Amino acid sequence: MIKAVFDTNLLVSAFLSRDNPGGVSLELLRFAREGMFQLLLSPDIIAETLATLVGSQRARQRYGYTPTMAAQFCDSLFAVATIVVNPPPTPGAVPRDPEDDKIIACAVAADVQYLVTRDDDMLSLQKYESIRIIPPEEFLHIVRQQQQ
């Protein structure tokens, strides 16, 4: 089975597009719920997702959600994903943005094939060890191909 880690930006996008069922991020999350691939996340990734959603008053007003709704979404991720607890740090994994090292750390510890992101700092790497770093549209194509 395909195993993947999603970056925070993909999870935020899935939440913000919750009223747009055709969104790529939301569709990928639905596929994870349906067991079409194994989603792996760390508590740090989920916490960063919550902090991003709750911390942006502008986004809350624009997309019409409350901090409670964001918290419920993040809580639901614990049921959808396999949780990777305390992945060993990978300092320097993303030279252009050390804050992203925790995403790489989760992917390495989970031994996934794919890290799915829209983050240019990570996408510029293309690969970390044996992990392909790809945008969500490419991952969606891979998951759909596997199902055929």
Protein backbone atom coordinates (compact mmCIF):
# COMPACT_ATOMS: atom_id res chain seq x y z
CA MET A 1 0.00 0.00 0.00
CA ILE A 2 1.15 3.53 -0.77
CA LYS A 3 2.27 5.46 2.31
CA ALA A 4 2.44 9.25 2.41
CA VAL A 5 2.99 12.17 4.74
CA PHE A 6 1.05 15.38 4.08
CA ASP A 7 2.58 18.76 4.82
CA THR A 8 0.70 21.26 6.97
CA ASN A 9 -0.22 23.40 3.95
CA LEU A 10 -2.08 20.49 2.38
CA LEU A 11 -4.08 19.86 5.57
CA VAL A 12 -4.91 23.55 5.90
CA SER A 13 -6.04 23.57 2.27
CA ALA A 14 -8.23 20.50 2.85
CA PHE A 15 -9.93 22.22 5.77
CA LEU A 16 -10.42 25.53 3.95
CA SER A 17 -11.89 23.76 0.92
CA ARG A 18 -14.31 21.66 3.01
CA ASP A 19 -17.26 23.23 1.16
CA ASN A 20 -15.65 22.56 -2.23
CA PRO A 21 -15.74 18.78 -2.71
CA GLY A 22 -13.71 19.03 -5.94
CA GLY A 23 -10.59 20.36 -4.21
CA VAL A 24 -7.48 18.19 -4.60
CA SER A 25 -6.45 18.40 -0.93
CA LEU A 26 -9.91 17.49 0.32
CA GLU A 27 -10.18 14.64 -2.19
CA LEU A 28 -6.84 13.23 -1.03
CA LEU A 29 -7.99 13.36 2.58
CA ARG A 30 -11.18 11.53 1.57
CA PHE A 31 -9.09 8.86 -0.18
CA ALA A 32 -7.05 8.46 3.01
CA ARG A 33 -10.27 7.99 5.01
CA GLU A 34 -11.38 5.36 2.49
CA GLY A 35 -8.10 3.47 2.90
CA MET A 36 -6.83 4.03 -0.65
CA PHE A 37 -3.42 4.84 0.84
CA GLN A 38 -1.95 5.11 4.30
CA LEU A 39 -1.62 8.66 5.61
CA LEU A 40 1.02 9.20 8.28
CA LEU A 41 1.27 12.34 10.39
CA SER A 42 3.07 13.41 13.53
CA PRO A 43 1.49 15.29 16.44
CA ASP A 44 3.76 18.23 15.45
CA ILE A 45 2.24 18.38 11.95
CA ILE A 46 -1.30 18.31 13.37
CA ALA A 47 -0.40 20.95 16.00
CA GLU A 48 1.08 23.20 13.32
CA THR A 49 -2.09 22.79 11.25
CA LEU A 50 -4.23 23.86 14.21
CA ALA A 51 -1.95 26.79 15.03
CA THR A 52 -2.09 27.97 11.41
CA LEU A 53 -5.88 27.74 11.25
CA VAL A 54 -6.55 29.30 14.65
CA GLY A 55 -3.82 31.91 14.32
CA SER A 56 -5.23 33.53 11.19
CA GLN A 57 -8.16 35.76 12.01
CA ARG A 58 -8.25 36.82 8.36
CA ALA A 59 -8.69 33.20 7.21
CA ARG A 60 -11.32 32.56 9.89
CA GLN A 61 -13.35 35.52 8.64
CA ARG A 62 -12.85 34.76 4.95
CA TYR A 63 -13.69 31.03 5.20
CA GLY A 64 -16.26 31.31 7.98
CA TYR A 65 -14.92 28.94 10.61
CA THR A 66 -14.32 29.07 14.33
CA PRO A 67 -11.33 27.88 16.33
CA THR A 68 -13.56 25.04 17.59
CA MET A 69 -14.24 23.88 14.03
CA ALA A 70 -10.50 23.93 13.32
CA ALA A 71 -9.82 21.94 16.49
CA GLN A 72 -12.45 19.35 15.55
CA PHE A 73 -10.89 18.97 12.11
CA CYS A 74 -7.44 18.48 13.62
CA ASP A 75 -8.82 15.98 16.14
CA SER A 76 -10.32 14.03 13.23
CA LEU A 77 -6.85 13.72 11.68
CA PHE A 78 -5.84 11.46 14.58
CA ALA A 79 -8.52 9.00 13.44
CA VAL A 80 -7.66 9.24 9.72
CA ALA A 81 -3.88 9.00 9.96
CA THR A 82 -1.40 6.65 11.51
CA ILE A 83 0.41 8.78 14.07
CA VAL A 84 4.21 8.81 14.12
CA VAL A 85 5.21 9.71 17.66
CA ASN A 86 8.55 11.39 18.35
CA PRO A 87 10.21 11.02 14.96
CA PRO A 88 13.99 11.48 15.30
CA PRO A 89 15.04 14.98 14.21
CA THR A 90 16.54 15.54 10.77
CA PRO A 91 18.41 18.83 11.21
CA GLY A 92 19.33 20.50 7.94
CA ALA A 93 16.92 18.39 5.88
CA VAL A 94 15.34 21.51 4.35
CA PRO A 95 18.16 24.07 4.16
CA ARG A 96 15.89 26.87 2.90
CA ASP A 97 13.41 26.44 5.80
CA PRO A 98 14.50 24.55 8.93
CA GLU A 99 10.91 24.71 10.22
CA ASP A 100 10.09 22.07 7.59
CA ASP A 101 12.63 19.60 9.00
CA LYS A 102 9.87 18.13 11.21
CA ILE A 103 7.85 17.18 8.12
CA ILE A 104 10.85 15.37 6.64
CA ALA A 105 11.52 13.74 10.04
CA CYS A 106 8.00 12.30 10.09
CA ALA A 107 8.34 11.00 6.53
CA VAL A 108 11.70 9.34 7.28
CA ALA A 109 10.49 7.77 10.54
CA ALA A 110 7.33 6.48 8.83
CA ASP A 111 9.30 5.07 5.90
CA VAL A 112 6.88 6.53 3.35
CA GLN A 113 7.29 6.66 -0.41
CA TYR A 114 5.81 10.17 -0.75
CA LEU A 115 5.81 13.50 1.01
CA VAL A 116 2.98 15.58 -0.44
CA THR A 117 3.26 19.36 -0.26
CA ARG A 118 2.82 22.67 -2.02
CA ASP A 119 5.83 24.13 -0.18
CA ASP A 120 8.43 25.31 -2.70
CA ASP A 121 11.28 24.83 -0.20
CA MET A 122 10.49 21.12 0.06
CA LEU A 123 9.44 20.65 -3.57
CA SER A 124 12.80 22.06 -4.67
CA LEU A 125 14.45 19.04 -3.00
CA GLN A 126 12.41 16.63 -5.20
CA LYS A 127 13.63 13.74 -3.05
CA TYR A 128 14.94 13.10 0.44
CA GLU A 129 16.67 9.74 0.78
CA SER A 130 14.16 7.41 -0.94
CA ILE A 131 11.15 9.70 -0.35
CA ARG A 132 9.72 11.51 -3.38
CA ILE A 133 8.54 15.02 -2.58
CA ILE A 134 5.65 15.87 -4.88
CA PRO A 135 2.69 18.24 -5.25
CA PRO A 136 -0.82 17.01 -4.41
CA GLU A 137 -1.96 16.87 -8.04
CA GLU A 138 0.80 14.39 -8.88
CA PHE A 139 0.01 12.30 -5.81
CA LEU A 140 -3.69 12.27 -6.70
CA HIS A 141 -2.77 10.90 -10.13
CA ILE A 142 -0.64 8.16 -8.51
CA VAL A 143 -3.42 7.13 -6.11
CA ARG A 144 -6.02 7.05 -8.89
CA GLN A 145 -3.71 4.97 -11.11
CA GLN A 146 -3.17 2.46 -8.33
CA GLN A 147 -6.93 2.01 -7.95
CA GLN A 148 -7.42 1.09 -11.61
